[in-house]
Amino acid sequence: MVSIVTVYRENADIFQEYWLPLIFKHGPVEFIIVDNASIYSKLSAPALPNLKTIRSPEEVERNKARKLGVSKSKSDIIFLCTMKAVPTYETMVLLESVKENQMLFPSWINLDRNIKIPTTNKNSFSVERNKYLACDENEYISTYEPEVLYKGTLYYV
């Protein structure tokens, strides 16, 4: 099983329009959404068996919020992504085959919607739960030297 962890901060429209359909579609995948102390648009989600919502009482740095989500996961393979990086079906299928000491690094899919897409994906990738919790996010690759798989795509919303 795979878990997807993302950090929510005042992103109600993106959550409702993009993430909820993905959560409904991929029932076996555990989704963990960390609400990073939203004030104006707190996370409001239905009770679903594959969705965990966690609220951080105070705003914390993104990596710390991600670790909070990962620590609540039941899966060994975790896909970390930003709220604006929605995994495509291709990526969801690839995540099921990620093995120990592998790291999936999808790229942006360009749908030519006149949206400026970031040039690289630096914040959405898979990790192993226990290894990630034991080190700093910025040192994960240099510490564990995983096989990096540049496969899959993400929607930029």
N, C-alpha and C. Protein backbone atom coordinates (compact mmCIF):
# COMPACT_ATOMS: atom_id res chain seq x y z
N MET A 1 0.84 -1.19 0.00
CA MET A 1 0.00 0.00 0.00
C MET A 1 0.88 1.25 0.00
N VAL A 2 0.38 2.30 -0.56
CA VAL A 2 1.07 3.58 -0.68
C VAL A 2 0.27 4.63 0.06
N SER A 3 0.97 5.60 0.63
CA SER A 3 0.32 6.77 1.23
C SER A 3 0.77 8.01 0.49
N ILE A 4 -0.14 8.95 0.36
CA ILE A 4 0.19 10.25 -0.22
C ILE A 4 0.01 11.29 0.87
N VAL A 5 1.05 12.09 1.06
CA VAL A 5 1.02 13.15 2.08
C VAL A 5 1.17 14.49 1.39
N THR A 6 0.26 15.39 1.69
CA THR A 6 0.36 16.75 1.17
C THR A 6 -0.02 17.73 2.28
N VAL A 7 0.49 18.95 2.13
CA VAL A 7 0.25 19.98 3.14
C VAL A 7 -0.75 20.99 2.59
N TYR A 8 -1.80 21.21 3.36
CA TYR A 8 -2.88 22.11 2.99
C TYR A 8 -2.69 23.45 3.71
N ARG A 9 -2.86 24.54 2.98
CA ARG A 9 -2.82 25.87 3.60
C ARG A 9 -3.69 26.79 2.77
N GLU A 10 -4.93 27.00 3.22
CA GLU A 10 -5.85 27.91 2.55
C GLU A 10 -6.09 27.51 1.09
N ASN A 11 -6.21 26.20 0.81
CA ASN A 11 -6.38 25.71 -0.56
C ASN A 11 -7.73 24.99 -0.75
N ALA A 12 -8.81 25.55 -0.27
CA ALA A 12 -10.11 24.85 -0.29
C ALA A 12 -10.55 24.49 -1.70
N ASP A 13 -10.43 25.40 -2.65
CA ASP A 13 -10.88 25.11 -4.02
C ASP A 13 -10.08 23.99 -4.64
N ILE A 14 -8.77 24.02 -4.48
CA ILE A 14 -7.92 22.97 -5.05
C ILE A 14 -8.25 21.62 -4.41
N PHE A 15 -8.44 21.60 -3.10
CA PHE A 15 -8.77 20.36 -2.43
C PHE A 15 -10.09 19.79 -2.94
N GLN A 16 -11.11 20.62 -3.00
CA GLN A 16 -12.44 20.16 -3.43
C GLN A 16 -12.47 19.73 -4.89
N GLU A 17 -11.82 20.48 -5.77
CA GLU A 17 -11.92 20.22 -7.20
C GLU A 17 -10.96 19.14 -7.71
N TYR A 18 -9.80 19.00 -7.09
CA TYR A 18 -8.80 18.08 -7.61
C TYR A 18 -8.50 16.90 -6.67
N TRP A 19 -8.35 17.19 -5.39
CA TRP A 19 -7.94 16.13 -4.48
C TRP A 19 -9.07 15.20 -4.09
N LEU A 20 -10.26 15.71 -3.82
CA LEU A 20 -11.36 14.82 -3.43
C LEU A 20 -11.68 13.80 -4.52
N PRO A 21 -11.77 14.17 -5.80
CA PRO A 21 -12.00 13.14 -6.81
C PRO A 21 -10.89 12.09 -6.85
N LEU A 22 -9.65 12.51 -6.66
CA LEU A 22 -8.53 11.57 -6.64
C LEU A 22 -8.66 10.61 -5.46
N ILE A 23 -9.04 11.13 -4.31
CA ILE A 23 -9.21 10.30 -3.11
C ILE A 23 -10.33 9.28 -3.31
N PHE A 24 -11.45 9.72 -3.90
CA PHE A 24 -12.56 8.81 -4.18
C PHE A 24 -12.14 7.73 -5.18
N LYS A 25 -11.38 8.10 -6.20
CA LYS A 25 -10.99 7.17 -7.27
C LYS A 25 -10.02 6.10 -6.78
N HIS A 26 -9.14 6.46 -5.87
CA HIS A 26 -8.07 5.55 -5.45
C HIS A 26 -8.27 5.11 -4.00
N GLY A 27 -9.31 4.34 -3.77
CA GLY A 27 -9.67 3.87 -2.44
C GLY A 27 -8.59 3.14 -1.66
N PRO A 28 -7.78 2.28 -2.29
CA PRO A 28 -6.75 1.56 -1.53
C PRO A 28 -5.59 2.44 -1.07
N VAL A 29 -5.46 3.62 -1.65
CA VAL A 29 -4.35 4.52 -1.30
C VAL A 29 -4.75 5.34 -0.07
N GLU A 30 -3.84 5.44 0.87
CA GLU A 30 -4.07 6.25 2.07
C GLU A 30 -3.65 7.69 1.76
N PHE A 31 -4.56 8.63 1.94
CA PHE A 31 -4.27 10.05 1.74
C PHE A 31 -4.20 10.72 3.10
N ILE A 32 -3.13 11.47 3.32
CA ILE A 32 -2.97 12.21 4.58
C ILE A 32 -2.78 13.67 4.22
N ILE A 33 -3.71 14.49 4.68
CA ILE A 33 -3.67 15.92 4.41
C ILE A 33 -3.38 16.63 5.73
N VAL A 34 -2.27 17.37 5.75
CA VAL A 34 -1.90 18.12 6.94
C VAL A 34 -2.33 19.57 6.74
N ASP A 35 -3.29 20.03 7.54
CA ASP A 35 -3.72 21.43 7.48
C ASP A 35 -2.72 22.22 8.31
N ASN A 36 -1.94 23.02 7.63
CA ASN A 36 -0.86 23.78 8.28
C ASN A 36 -1.40 25.11 8.83
N ALA A 37 -2.28 25.00 9.82
CA ALA A 37 -2.82 26.14 10.57
C ALA A 37 -3.55 27.14 9.68
N SER A 38 -4.40 26.65 8.78
CA SER A 38 -5.21 27.56 7.97
C SER A 38 -6.11 28.39 8.86
N ILE A 39 -6.31 29.63 8.48
CA ILE A 39 -7.13 30.53 9.29
C ILE A 39 -8.45 30.83 8.57
N TYR A 40 -8.38 31.21 7.29
CA TYR A 40 -9.55 31.67 6.55
C TYR A 40 -10.30 30.53 5.87
N SER A 41 -9.59 29.50 5.51
CA SER A 41 -10.19 28.41 4.75
C SER A 41 -9.71 27.08 5.31
N LYS A 42 -10.20 26.77 6.51
CA LYS A 42 -9.78 25.52 7.17
C LYS A 42 -10.22 24.32 6.35
N LEU A 43 -9.44 23.26 6.44
CA LEU A 43 -9.73 22.04 5.70
C LEU A 43 -11.06 21.44 6.15
N SER A 44 -11.93 21.23 5.19
CA SER A 44 -13.21 20.59 5.45
C SER A 44 -13.31 19.41 4.51
N ALA A 45 -13.32 18.20 5.08
CA ALA A 45 -13.32 17.00 4.26
C ALA A 45 -14.32 15.99 4.81
N PRO A 46 -14.91 15.22 3.90
CA PRO A 46 -15.84 14.18 4.37
C PRO A 46 -15.07 13.05 5.06
N ALA A 47 -15.76 12.31 5.88
CA ALA A 47 -15.14 11.15 6.54
C ALA A 47 -15.06 10.02 5.52
N LEU A 48 -13.83 9.70 5.14
CA LEU A 48 -13.59 8.62 4.18
C LEU A 48 -12.60 7.64 4.79
N PRO A 49 -12.73 6.35 4.49
CA PRO A 49 -11.83 5.37 5.10
C PRO A 49 -10.37 5.51 4.68
N ASN A 50 -10.10 6.13 3.53
CA ASN A 50 -8.72 6.25 3.05
C ASN A 50 -8.17 7.67 3.21
N LEU A 51 -8.83 8.50 4.02
CA LEU A 51 -8.40 9.89 4.21
C LEU A 51 -8.20 10.19 5.68
N LYS A 52 -7.00 10.69 5.99
CA LYS A 52 -6.71 11.19 7.33
C LYS A 52 -6.42 12.68 7.21
N THR A 53 -7.03 13.46 8.07
CA THR A 53 -6.71 14.89 8.12
C THR A 53 -6.10 15.20 9.47
N ILE A 54 -5.04 15.96 9.42
CA ILE A 54 -4.32 16.34 10.64
C ILE A 54 -4.19 17.85 10.64
N ARG A 55 -4.48 18.47 11.74
CA ARG A 55 -4.38 19.93 11.83
C ARG A 55 -3.20 20.30 12.72
N SER A 56 -2.31 21.10 12.15
CA SER A 56 -1.21 21.64 12.94
C SER A 56 -1.73 22.89 13.64
N PRO A 57 -1.61 22.98 14.96
CA PRO A 57 -2.17 24.11 15.68
C PRO A 57 -1.50 25.44 15.36
N GLU A 58 -0.24 25.36 14.89
CA GLU A 58 0.47 26.57 14.50
C GLU A 58 1.18 26.31 13.19
N GLU A 59 1.39 27.36 12.42
CA GLU A 59 2.06 27.18 11.14
C GLU A 59 3.50 26.73 11.35
N VAL A 60 3.88 25.68 10.63
CA VAL A 60 5.23 25.15 10.73
C VAL A 60 5.83 25.08 9.32
N GLU A 61 7.13 24.95 9.26
CA GLU A 61 7.83 24.82 7.99
C GLU A 61 7.32 23.58 7.25
N ARG A 62 7.27 23.64 5.91
CA ARG A 62 6.69 22.57 5.10
C ARG A 62 7.25 21.19 5.43
N ASN A 63 8.57 21.07 5.56
CA ASN A 63 9.17 19.76 5.83
C ASN A 63 8.71 19.20 7.18
N LYS A 64 8.52 20.07 8.15
CA LYS A 64 8.05 19.61 9.47
C LYS A 64 6.59 19.15 9.38
N ALA A 65 5.79 19.87 8.60
CA ALA A 65 4.39 19.46 8.41
C ALA A 65 4.32 18.13 7.68
N ARG A 66 5.19 17.93 6.69
CA ARG A 66 5.24 16.66 5.97
C ARG A 66 5.61 15.51 6.91
N LYS A 67 6.60 15.75 7.77
CA LYS A 67 7.01 14.69 8.72
C LYS A 67 5.86 14.32 9.64
N LEU A 68 5.08 15.30 10.04
CA LEU A 68 3.90 15.03 10.87
C LEU A 68 2.96 14.08 10.14
N GLY A 69 2.70 14.35 8.86
CA GLY A 69 1.84 13.48 8.07
C GLY A 69 2.42 12.09 7.89
N VAL A 70 3.71 12.02 7.56
CA VAL A 70 4.37 10.73 7.35
C VAL A 70 4.34 9.89 8.62
N SER A 71 4.51 10.53 9.76
CA SER A 71 4.51 9.80 11.03
C SER A 71 3.16 9.13 11.31
N LYS A 72 2.09 9.61 10.71
CA LYS A 72 0.76 9.04 10.92
C LYS A 72 0.40 7.99 9.87
N SER A 73 1.30 7.75 8.94
CA SER A 73 1.04 6.82 7.84
C SER A 73 1.19 5.37 8.27
N LYS A 74 0.44 4.49 7.60
CA LYS A 74 0.56 3.05 7.83
C LYS A 74 1.44 2.40 6.77
N SER A 75 1.77 3.12 5.71
CA SER A 75 2.48 2.54 4.57
C SER A 75 3.99 2.73 4.68
N ASP A 76 4.71 1.85 4.00
CA ASP A 76 6.17 1.99 3.93
C ASP A 76 6.58 2.97 2.84
N ILE A 77 5.83 3.01 1.74
CA ILE A 77 6.13 3.92 0.64
C ILE A 77 5.20 5.12 0.74
N ILE A 78 5.81 6.30 0.74
CA ILE A 78 5.06 7.55 0.88
C ILE A 78 5.36 8.42 -0.33
N PHE A 79 4.32 9.02 -0.89
CA PHE A 79 4.51 10.00 -1.95
C PHE A 79 4.22 11.37 -1.35
N LEU A 80 5.23 12.22 -1.33
CA LEU A 80 5.09 13.58 -0.82
C LEU A 80 4.84 14.51 -2.00
N CYS A 81 3.87 15.39 -1.87
CA CYS A 81 3.63 16.35 -2.95
C CYS A 81 2.99 17.60 -2.38
N THR A 82 3.07 18.65 -3.17
CA THR A 82 2.44 19.89 -2.76
C THR A 82 0.96 19.84 -3.15
N MET A 83 0.16 20.69 -2.59
CA MET A 83 -1.26 20.72 -2.89
C MET A 83 -1.50 21.05 -4.37
N LYS A 84 -0.59 21.79 -4.99
CA LYS A 84 -0.74 22.17 -6.40
C LYS A 84 -0.19 21.13 -7.35
N ALA A 85 0.39 20.05 -6.84
CA ALA A 85 0.94 18.97 -7.67
C ALA A 85 0.08 17.73 -7.51
N VAL A 86 -0.88 17.56 -8.40
CA VAL A 86 -1.82 16.45 -8.30
C VAL A 86 -1.31 15.30 -9.17
N PRO A 87 -1.08 14.13 -8.59
CA PRO A 87 -0.59 12.99 -9.37
C PRO A 87 -1.57 12.57 -10.46
N THR A 88 -1.05 12.27 -11.64
CA THR A 88 -1.88 11.74 -12.71
C THR A 88 -2.15 10.26 -12.47
N TYR A 89 -3.04 9.69 -13.26
CA TYR A 89 -3.33 8.26 -13.15
C TYR A 89 -2.05 7.46 -13.38
N GLU A 90 -1.24 7.89 -14.34
CA GLU A 90 0.03 7.21 -14.61
C GLU A 90 0.89 7.12 -13.35
N THR A 91 1.00 8.21 -12.63
CA THR A 91 1.81 8.24 -11.40
C THR A 91 1.20 7.37 -10.32
N MET A 92 -0.12 7.39 -10.22
CA MET A 92 -0.78 6.56 -9.21
C MET A 92 -0.49 5.08 -9.46
N VAL A 93 -0.48 4.66 -10.72
CA VAL A 93 -0.17 3.27 -11.05
C VAL A 93 1.30 2.98 -10.76
N LEU A 94 2.20 3.89 -11.14
CA LEU A 94 3.63 3.68 -10.89
C LEU A 94 3.94 3.57 -9.40
N LEU A 95 3.23 4.32 -8.58
CA LEU A 95 3.48 4.28 -7.13
C LEU A 95 3.27 2.88 -6.56
N GLU A 96 2.38 2.13 -7.14
CA GLU A 96 2.10 0.78 -6.66
C GLU A 96 3.29 -0.16 -6.85
N SER A 97 4.20 0.19 -7.77
CA SER A 97 5.33 -0.70 -8.05
C SER A 97 6.67 -0.17 -7.52
N VAL A 98 6.66 0.93 -6.78
CA VAL A 98 7.90 1.44 -6.20
C VAL A 98 8.37 0.47 -5.13
N LYS A 99 9.65 0.12 -5.21
CA LYS A 99 10.22 -0.87 -4.28
C LYS A 99 11.14 -0.18 -3.27
N GLU A 100 11.59 -0.97 -2.33
CA GLU A 100 12.55 -0.49 -1.34
C GLU A 100 13.78 0.08 -2.05
N ASN A 101 14.27 1.18 -1.55
CA ASN A 101 15.44 1.90 -2.07
C ASN A 101 15.24 2.44 -3.49
N GLN A 102 13.98 2.72 -3.85
CA GLN A 102 13.68 3.42 -5.08
C GLN A 102 12.93 4.70 -4.73
N MET A 103 13.06 5.68 -5.61
CA MET A 103 12.44 6.98 -5.38
C MET A 103 11.83 7.45 -6.70
N LEU A 104 10.51 7.66 -6.72
CA LEU A 104 9.82 8.11 -7.92
C LEU A 104 9.82 9.65 -7.94
N PHE A 105 10.25 10.21 -9.06
CA PHE A 105 10.32 11.66 -9.25
C PHE A 105 9.56 12.03 -10.52
N PRO A 106 8.24 12.26 -10.46
CA PRO A 106 7.48 12.58 -11.68
C PRO A 106 7.80 13.99 -12.19
N SER A 107 7.43 14.24 -13.43
CA SER A 107 7.61 15.57 -14.03
C SER A 107 6.24 16.21 -14.26
N TRP A 108 6.24 17.47 -14.58
CA TRP A 108 4.99 18.19 -14.83
C TRP A 108 4.44 17.80 -16.19
N ILE A 109 3.13 17.66 -16.26
CA ILE A 109 2.47 17.44 -17.55
C ILE A 109 1.96 18.80 -18.01
N ASN A 110 2.25 19.14 -19.24
CA ASN A 110 1.85 20.44 -19.76
C ASN A 110 0.60 20.27 -20.61
N LEU A 111 -0.49 20.79 -20.14
CA LEU A 111 -1.75 20.71 -20.87
C LEU A 111 -2.01 21.96 -21.69
N ASP A 112 -1.01 22.83 -21.79
CA ASP A 112 -1.09 24.07 -22.56
C ASP A 112 -2.33 24.89 -22.19
N ARG A 113 -2.48 25.14 -20.90
CA ARG A 113 -3.62 25.91 -20.40
C ARG A 113 -3.22 27.35 -20.09
N ASN A 114 -2.10 27.78 -20.66
CA ASN A 114 -1.58 29.13 -20.42
C ASN A 114 -1.31 29.37 -18.94
N ILE A 115 -0.86 28.32 -18.26
CA ILE A 115 -0.47 28.41 -16.86
C ILE A 115 1.05 28.26 -16.81
N LYS A 116 1.69 29.13 -16.07
CA LYS A 116 3.14 29.00 -15.95
C LYS A 116 3.46 27.82 -15.04
N ILE A 117 4.07 26.82 -15.63
CA ILE A 117 4.43 25.59 -14.91
C ILE A 117 5.86 25.73 -14.42
N PRO A 118 6.13 25.36 -13.18
CA PRO A 118 7.52 25.40 -12.70
C PRO A 118 8.42 24.57 -13.62
N THR A 119 9.66 25.00 -13.77
CA THR A 119 10.56 24.31 -14.69
C THR A 119 10.93 22.92 -14.21
N THR A 120 11.04 22.72 -12.93
CA THR A 120 11.36 21.39 -12.40
C THR A 120 10.45 21.06 -11.23
N ASN A 121 10.33 19.79 -10.97
CA ASN A 121 9.59 19.30 -9.81
C ASN A 121 10.62 19.00 -8.72
N LYS A 122 10.65 19.82 -7.69
CA LYS A 122 11.59 19.59 -6.60
C LYS A 122 10.91 19.13 -5.32
N ASN A 123 9.59 19.21 -5.28
CA ASN A 123 8.89 18.98 -4.02
C ASN A 123 7.93 17.81 -4.01
N SER A 124 7.87 17.04 -5.08
CA SER A 124 6.95 15.91 -5.14
C SER A 124 7.71 14.66 -5.55
N PHE A 125 7.79 13.70 -4.62
CA PHE A 125 8.59 12.49 -4.83
C PHE A 125 8.21 11.45 -3.79
N SER A 126 8.63 10.21 -4.04
CA SER A 126 8.34 9.16 -3.08
C SER A 126 9.54 8.92 -2.16
N VAL A 127 9.25 8.44 -0.96
CA VAL A 127 10.28 8.13 0.04
C VAL A 127 9.84 6.88 0.80
N GLU A 128 10.77 6.31 1.52
CA GLU A 128 10.43 5.22 2.45
C GLU A 128 10.17 5.85 3.81
N ARG A 129 9.09 5.46 4.42
CA ARG A 129 8.62 6.06 5.67
C ARG A 129 9.71 6.16 6.74
N ASN A 130 10.27 5.05 7.16
CA ASN A 130 11.21 5.07 8.29
C ASN A 130 12.50 5.81 7.97
N LYS A 131 12.97 5.68 6.74
CA LYS A 131 14.18 6.41 6.34
C LYS A 131 13.92 7.91 6.35
N TYR A 132 12.76 8.31 5.84
CA TYR A 132 12.41 9.73 5.79
C TYR A 132 12.31 10.33 7.19
N LEU A 133 11.69 9.58 8.09
CA LEU A 133 11.54 10.09 9.46
C LEU A 133 12.87 10.17 10.19
N ALA A 134 13.87 9.41 9.73
CA ALA A 134 15.16 9.36 10.43
C ALA A 134 16.16 10.42 9.93
N CYS A 135 15.81 11.17 8.90
CA CYS A 135 16.79 12.15 8.40
C CYS A 135 16.09 13.43 7.96
N ASP A 136 16.90 14.40 7.62
CA ASP A 136 16.40 15.66 7.09
C ASP A 136 15.97 15.44 5.63
N GLU A 137 14.85 16.02 5.23
CA GLU A 137 14.35 15.82 3.87
C GLU A 137 15.40 16.18 2.81
N ASN A 138 16.14 17.25 3.05
CA ASN A 138 17.13 17.72 2.08
C ASN A 138 18.34 16.79 1.97
N GLU A 139 18.48 15.85 2.90
CA GLU A 139 19.62 14.93 2.88
C GLU A 139 19.20 13.49 2.56
N TYR A 140 17.95 13.28 2.21
CA TYR A 140 17.43 11.92 1.98
C TYR A 140 18.22 11.20 0.88
N ILE A 141 18.40 11.84 -0.25
CA ILE A 141 19.08 11.19 -1.39
C ILE A 141 20.54 10.91 -1.06
N SER A 142 21.23 11.90 -0.49
CA SER A 142 22.66 11.69 -0.21
C SER A 142 22.87 10.67 0.92
N THR A 143 21.93 10.57 1.84
CA THR A 143 22.06 9.62 2.94
C THR A 143 21.78 8.19 2.50
N TYR A 144 20.71 7.97 1.74
CA TYR A 144 20.29 6.61 1.42
C TYR A 144 20.59 6.17 -0.02
N GLU A 145 20.97 7.10 -0.88
CA GLU A 145 21.33 6.82 -2.27
C GLU A 145 20.32 5.89 -2.96
N PRO A 146 19.04 6.28 -3.01
CA PRO A 146 18.05 5.43 -3.66
C PRO A 146 18.21 5.47 -5.19
N GLU A 147 17.67 4.47 -5.84
CA GLU A 147 17.58 4.49 -7.30
C GLU A 147 16.46 5.47 -7.65
N VAL A 148 16.80 6.55 -8.34
CA VAL A 148 15.82 7.58 -8.66
C VAL A 148 15.18 7.25 -10.01
N LEU A 149 13.86 7.14 -10.01
CA LEU A 149 13.09 6.83 -11.21
C LEU A 149 12.40 8.10 -11.68
N TYR A 150 12.85 8.63 -12.79
CA TYR A 150 12.23 9.83 -13.36
C TYR A 150 11.10 9.39 -14.28
N LYS A 151 10.01 9.02 -13.66
CA LYS A 151 8.83 8.52 -14.38
C LYS A 151 7.59 9.15 -13.77
N GLY A 152 6.51 9.11 -14.54
CA GLY A 152 5.25 9.63 -14.05
C GLY A 152 5.10 11.11 -14.32
N THR A 153 3.88 11.59 -14.08
CA THR A 153 3.58 12.99 -14.33
C THR A 153 2.68 13.54 -13.23
N LEU A 154 2.67 14.86 -13.15
CA LEU A 154 1.85 15.60 -12.19
C LEU A 154 1.08 16.69 -12.91
N TYR A 155 -0.14 16.91 -12.49
CA TYR A 155 -0.88 18.08 -12.97
C TYR A 155 -0.48 19.26 -12.10
N TYR A 156 -0.26 20.40 -12.71
CA TYR A 156 -0.01 21.63 -11.94
C TYR A 156 -1.32 22.40 -11.91
N VAL A 157 -1.90 22.57 -10.72
CA VAL A 157 -3.19 23.25 -10.61
C VAL A 157 -3.08 24.51 -9.78
